[in-house]
Structure formats: structure tokens, C-alpha cells
Amino acid sequence: MAAYIDLNPVRADLVSDPKDYRWCGYGAAVAGVKAERTGLGIVAGAVRGSKRRK
């Protein structure tokens, strides 16, 4: 779901890369902002966990 949200501005032709969208946490995470990187890690862990259960 996070990828879907982060890619919406790209699909809408607002930006060419999600990191360039002002209201997207992806850009901050790529830049190394600790809180944003932690958030992406939580989402990634949840996705990995849901795939193992199936």
C-alpha cells in the first residue's frame, strides 16, 4: 500500500520520481531522515511478514 501511495504523484504526472513530491515521506527516507527511514522499515517488515504467513 505504501508503494501505491508514494507512486500516485508519479502516475498523476506531478513528478517523475516520488522523492521529488513535497508531501511524500519517501524522499525524506532516501535523504536519510531517521524517522522516515524507520517508518519505511516498519512498512517493509509488515509486508515481509504478511508474505510469510500465506
PDB file of N, CA and C in Angstrom:
ATOM      1  N   MET A   1       0.823  -1.183   0.000  1.00  0.00           N
ATOM      2  CA  MET A   1       0.000   0.000   0.000  1.00  0.00           C
ATOM      3  C   MET A   1       0.872   1.254   0.000  1.00  0.00           C
ATOM      4  N   ALA A   2       1.987   1.223   0.722  1.00  0.00           N
ATOM      5  CA  ALA A   2       2.859   2.396   0.772  1.00  0.00           C
ATOM      6  C   ALA A   2       3.394   2.745  -0.613  1.00  0.00           C
ATOM      7  N   ALA A   3       3.751   1.736  -1.385  1.00  0.00           N
ATOM      8  CA  ALA A   3       4.246   1.993  -2.743  1.00  0.00           C
ATOM      9  C   ALA A   3       3.155   2.611  -3.606  1.00  0.00           C
ATOM     10  N   TYR A   4       1.941   2.144  -3.432  1.00  0.00           N
ATOM     11  CA  TYR A   4       0.818   2.702  -4.189  1.00  0.00           C
ATOM     12  C   TYR A   4       0.672   4.185  -3.876  1.00  0.00           C
ATOM     13  N   ILE A   5       0.719   4.535  -2.615  1.00  0.00           N
ATOM     14  CA  ILE A   5       0.571   5.927  -2.193  1.00  0.00           C
ATOM     15  C   ILE A   5       1.734   6.771  -2.705  1.00  0.00           C
ATOM     16  N   ASP A   6       2.947   6.276  -2.549  1.00  0.00           N
ATOM     17  CA  ASP A   6       4.122   7.039  -2.970  1.00  0.00           C
ATOM     18  C   ASP A   6       4.186   7.218  -4.485  1.00  0.00           C
ATOM     19  N   LEU A   7       3.597   6.302  -5.242  1.00  0.00           N
ATOM     20  CA  LEU A   7       3.644   6.404  -6.704  1.00  0.00           C
ATOM     21  C   LEU A   7       2.483   7.198  -7.291  1.00  0.00           C
ATOM     22  N   ASN A   8       1.492   7.551  -6.499  1.00  0.00           N
ATOM     23  CA  ASN A   8       0.365   8.334  -7.015  1.00  0.00           C
ATOM     24  C   ASN A   8       0.793   9.637  -7.692  1.00  0.00           C
ATOM     25  N   PRO A   9       1.698  10.436  -7.110  1.00  0.00           N
ATOM     26  CA  PRO A   9       2.110  11.670  -7.790  1.00  0.00           C
ATOM     27  C   PRO A   9       2.810  11.400  -9.128  1.00  0.00           C
ATOM     28  N   VAL A  10       3.489  10.260  -9.240  1.00  0.00           N
ATOM     29  CA  VAL A  10       4.146   9.897 -10.497  1.00  0.00           C
ATOM     30  C   VAL A  10       3.082   9.546 -11.538  1.00  0.00           C
ATOM     31  N   ARG A  11       2.107   8.757 -11.129  1.00  0.00           N
ATOM     32  CA  ARG A  11       1.025   8.366 -12.047  1.00  0.00           C
ATOM     33  C   ARG A  11       0.202   9.564 -12.499  1.00  0.00           C
ATOM     34  N   ALA A  12       0.104  10.576 -11.643  1.00  0.00           N
ATOM     35  CA  ALA A  12      -0.660  11.781 -11.979  1.00  0.00           C
ATOM     36  C   ALA A  12       0.180  12.788 -12.759  1.00  0.00           C
ATOM     37  N   ASP A  13       1.414  12.420 -13.095  1.00  0.00           N
ATOM     38  CA  ASP A  13       2.345  13.283 -13.828  1.00  0.00           C
ATOM     39  C   ASP A  13       2.651  14.594 -13.101  1.00  0.00           C
ATOM     40  N   LEU A  14       2.661  14.531 -11.765  1.00  0.00           N
ATOM     41  CA  LEU A  14       3.055  15.707 -10.980  1.00  0.00           C
ATOM     42  C   LEU A  14       4.570  15.772 -10.838  1.00  0.00           C
ATOM     43  N   VAL A  15       5.203  14.608 -10.751  1.00  0.00           N
ATOM     44  CA  VAL A  15       6.664  14.491 -10.644  1.00  0.00           C
ATOM     45  C   VAL A  15       7.091  13.248 -11.408  1.00  0.00           C
ATOM     46  N   SER A  16       8.377  13.146 -11.709  1.00  0.00           N
ATOM     47  CA  SER A  16       8.867  11.947 -12.391  1.00  0.00           C
ATOM     48  C   SER A  16       9.424  10.920 -11.409  1.00  0.00           C
ATOM     49  N   ASP A  17       9.718  11.341 -10.187  1.00  0.00           N
ATOM     50  CA  ASP A  17      10.255  10.457  -9.155  1.00  0.00           C
ATOM     51  C   ASP A  17       9.547  10.779  -7.844  1.00  0.00           C
ATOM     52  N   PRO A  18       9.088   9.781  -7.077  1.00  0.00           N
ATOM     53  CA  PRO A  18       8.352  10.066  -5.844  1.00  0.00           C
ATOM     54  C   PRO A  18       9.147  10.891  -4.831  1.00  0.00           C
ATOM     55  N   LYS A  19      10.464  10.826  -4.874  1.00  0.00           N
ATOM     56  CA  LYS A  19      11.260  11.611  -3.925  1.00  0.00           C
ATOM     57  C   LYS A  19      11.134  13.112  -4.162  1.00  0.00           C
ATOM     58  N   ASP A  20      10.689  13.483  -5.352  1.00  0.00           N
ATOM     59  CA  ASP A  20      10.548  14.898  -5.688  1.00  0.00           C
ATOM     60  C   ASP A  20       9.211  15.496  -5.261  1.00  0.00           C
ATOM     61  N   TYR A  21       8.301  14.658  -4.780  1.00  0.00           N
ATOM     62  CA  TYR A  21       6.989  15.141  -4.357  1.00  0.00           C
ATOM     63  C   TYR A  21       7.086  15.666  -2.929  1.00  0.00           C
ATOM     64  N   ARG A  22       6.712  16.888  -2.728  1.00  0.00           N
ATOM     65  CA  ARG A  22       6.906  17.577  -1.447  1.00  0.00           C
ATOM     66  C   ARG A  22       6.265  16.856  -0.253  1.00  0.00           C
ATOM     67  N   TRP A  23       5.114  16.257  -0.430  1.00  0.00           N
ATOM     68  CA  TRP A  23       4.379  15.666   0.695  1.00  0.00           C
ATOM     69  C   TRP A  23       4.560  14.159   0.796  1.00  0.00           C
ATOM     70  N   CYS A  24       5.633  13.657   0.262  1.00  0.00           N
ATOM     71  CA  CYS A  24       5.907  12.223   0.273  1.00  0.00           C
ATOM     72  C   CYS A  24       7.057  11.921   1.231  1.00  0.00           C
ATOM     73  N   GLY A  25       6.871  10.973   2.130  1.00  0.00           N
ATOM     74  CA  GLY A  25       7.917  10.592   3.073  1.00  0.00           C
ATOM     75  C   GLY A  25       9.063   9.831   2.431  1.00  0.00           C
ATOM     76  N   TYR A  26       8.849   9.315   1.242  1.00  0.00           N
ATOM     77  CA  TYR A  26       9.873   8.546   0.546  1.00  0.00           C
ATOM     78  C   TYR A  26      11.136   9.377   0.324  1.00  0.00           C
ATOM     79  N   GLY A  27      10.959  10.620  -0.103  1.00  0.00           N
ATOM     80  CA  GLY A  27      12.113  11.490  -0.356  1.00  0.00           C
ATOM     81  C   GLY A  27      12.932  11.724   0.893  1.00  0.00           C
ATOM     82  N   ALA A  28      12.259  11.928   2.004  1.00  0.00           N
ATOM     83  CA  ALA A  28      12.968  12.128   3.272  1.00  0.00           C
ATOM     84  C   ALA A  28      13.699  10.856   3.688  1.00  0.00           C
ATOM     85  N   ALA A  29      13.077   9.716   3.454  1.00  0.00           N
ATOM     86  CA  ALA A  29      13.718   8.448   3.807  1.00  0.00           C
ATOM     87  C   ALA A  29      14.969   8.224   2.961  1.00  0.00           C
ATOM     88  N   VAL A  30      14.878   8.517   1.672  1.00  0.00           N
ATOM     89  CA  VAL A  30      16.031   8.375   0.783  1.00  0.00           C
ATOM     90  C   VAL A  30      17.144   9.340   1.198  1.00  0.00           C
ATOM     91  N   ALA A  31      16.761  10.511   1.688  1.00  0.00           N
ATOM     92  CA  ALA A  31      17.741  11.506   2.121  1.00  0.00           C
ATOM     93  C   ALA A  31      18.390  11.134   3.451  1.00  0.00           C
ATOM     94  N   GLY A  32      17.826  10.143   4.140  1.00  0.00           N
ATOM     95  CA  GLY A  32      18.438   9.672   5.380  1.00  0.00           C
ATOM     96  C   GLY A  32      17.809  10.188   6.657  1.00  0.00           C
ATOM     97  N   VAL A  33      16.628  10.793   6.582  1.00  0.00           N
ATOM     98  CA  VAL A  33      15.940  11.261   7.785  1.00  0.00           C
ATOM     99  C   VAL A  33      15.557  10.028   8.604  1.00  0.00           C
ATOM    100  N   LYS A  34      16.076   9.948   9.818  1.00  0.00           N
ATOM    101  CA  LYS A  34      15.944   8.734  10.630  1.00  0.00           C
ATOM    102  C   LYS A  34      14.493   8.314  10.847  1.00  0.00           C
ATOM    103  N   ALA A  35      13.616   9.232  11.195  1.00  0.00           N
ATOM    104  CA  ALA A  35      12.214   8.880  11.457  1.00  0.00           C
ATOM    105  C   ALA A  35      11.545   8.311  10.214  1.00  0.00           C
ATOM    106  N   GLU A  36      11.844   8.879   9.060  1.00  0.00           N
ATOM    107  CA  GLU A  36      11.245   8.396   7.818  1.00  0.00           C
ATOM    108  C   GLU A  36      11.795   7.028   7.430  1.00  0.00           C
ATOM    109  N   ARG A  37      13.084   6.825   7.637  1.00  0.00           N
ATOM    110  CA  ARG A  37      13.686   5.525   7.338  1.00  0.00           C
ATOM    111  C   ARG A  37      13.099   4.454   8.247  1.00  0.00           C
ATOM    112  N   THR A  38      12.873   4.811   9.507  1.00  0.00           N
ATOM    113  CA  THR A  38      12.269   3.873  10.451  1.00  0.00           C
ATOM    114  C   THR A  38      10.868   3.494   9.988  1.00  0.00           C
ATOM    115  N   GLY A  39      10.107   4.483   9.543  1.00  0.00           N
ATOM    116  CA  GLY A  39       8.753   4.224   9.050  1.00  0.00           C
ATOM    117  C   GLY A  39       8.754   3.285   7.858  1.00  0.00           C
ATOM    118  N   LEU A  40       9.653   3.496   6.925  1.00  0.00           N
ATOM    119  CA  LEU A  40       9.739   2.599   5.761  1.00  0.00           C
ATOM    120  C   LEU A  40      10.141   1.195   6.187  1.00  0.00           C
ATOM    121  N   GLY A  41      11.010   1.110   7.184  1.00  0.00           N
ATOM    122  CA  GLY A  41      11.414  -0.205   7.697  1.00  0.00           C
ATOM    123  C   GLY A  41      10.247  -0.952   8.316  1.00  0.00           C
ATOM    124  N   ILE A  42       9.392  -0.228   9.022  1.00  0.00           N
ATOM    125  CA  ILE A  42       8.207  -0.850   9.618  1.00  0.00           C
ATOM    126  C   ILE A  42       7.273  -1.370   8.532  1.00  0.00           C
ATOM    127  N   VAL A  43       7.052  -0.555   7.512  1.00  0.00           N
ATOM    128  CA  VAL A  43       6.181  -0.980   6.412  1.00  0.00           C
ATOM    129  C   VAL A  43       6.780  -2.184   5.696  1.00  0.00           C
ATOM    130  N   ALA A  44       8.068  -2.150   5.419  1.00  0.00           N
ATOM    131  CA  ALA A  44       8.718  -3.272   4.735  1.00  0.00           C
ATOM    132  C   ALA A  44       8.628  -4.540   5.571  1.00  0.00           C
ATOM    133  N   GLY A  45       8.826  -4.412   6.876  1.00  0.00           N
ATOM    134  CA  GLY A  45       8.718  -5.574   7.757  1.00  0.00           C
ATOM    135  C   GLY A  45       7.316  -6.147   7.778  1.00  0.00           C
ATOM    136  N   ALA A  46       6.319  -5.277   7.754  1.00  0.00           N
ATOM    137  CA  ALA A  46       4.935  -5.746   7.741  1.00  0.00           C
ATOM    138  C   ALA A  46       4.626  -6.481   6.444  1.00  0.00           C
ATOM    139  N   VAL A  47       5.144  -5.973   5.347  1.00  0.00           N
ATOM    140  CA  VAL A  47       4.913  -6.622   4.049  1.00  0.00           C
ATOM    141  C   VAL A  47       5.599  -7.984   4.025  1.00  0.00           C
ATOM    142  N   ARG A  48       6.828  -8.035   4.482  1.00  0.00           N
ATOM    143  CA  ARG A  48       7.543  -9.314   4.509  1.00  0.00           C
ATOM    144  C   ARG A  48       6.824 -10.308   5.418  1.00  0.00           C
ATOM    145  N   GLY A  49       6.337  -9.841   6.558  1.00  0.00           N
ATOM    146  CA  GLY A  49       5.634 -10.704   7.495  1.00  0.00           C
ATOM    147  C   GLY A  49       4.343 -11.250   6.915  1.00  0.00           C
ATOM    148  N   SER A  50       3.626 -10.450   6.175  1.00  0.00           N
ATOM    149  CA  SER A  50       2.358 -10.910   5.599  1.00  0.00           C
ATOM    150  C   SER A  50       2.600 -11.938   4.503  1.00  0.00           C
ATOM    151  N   LYS A  51       3.714 -11.836   3.802  1.00  0.00           N
ATOM    152  CA  LYS A  51       4.024 -12.796   2.734  1.00  0.00           C
ATOM    153  C   LYS A  51       4.396 -14.145   3.325  1.00  0.00           C
ATOM    154  N   ARG A  52       5.034 -14.153   4.498  1.00  0.00           N
ATOM    155  CA  ARG A  52       5.428 -15.421   5.119  1.00  0.00           C
ATOM    156  C   ARG A  52       4.224 -16.196   5.627  1.00  0.00           C
ATOM    157  N   ARG A  53       3.194 -15.514   6.053  1.00  0.00           N
ATOM    158  CA  ARG A  53       2.025 -16.176   6.628  1.00  0.00           C
ATOM    159  C   ARG A  53       1.215 -16.924   5.586  1.00  0.00           C
ATOM    160  N   LYS A  54       1.295 -16.536   4.346  1.00  0.00           N
ATOM    161  CA  LYS A  54       0.462 -17.161   3.307  1.00  0.00           C
ATOM    162  C   LYS A  54       0.936 -18.527   2.940  1.00  0.00           C
TER     163      LYS A  54
END
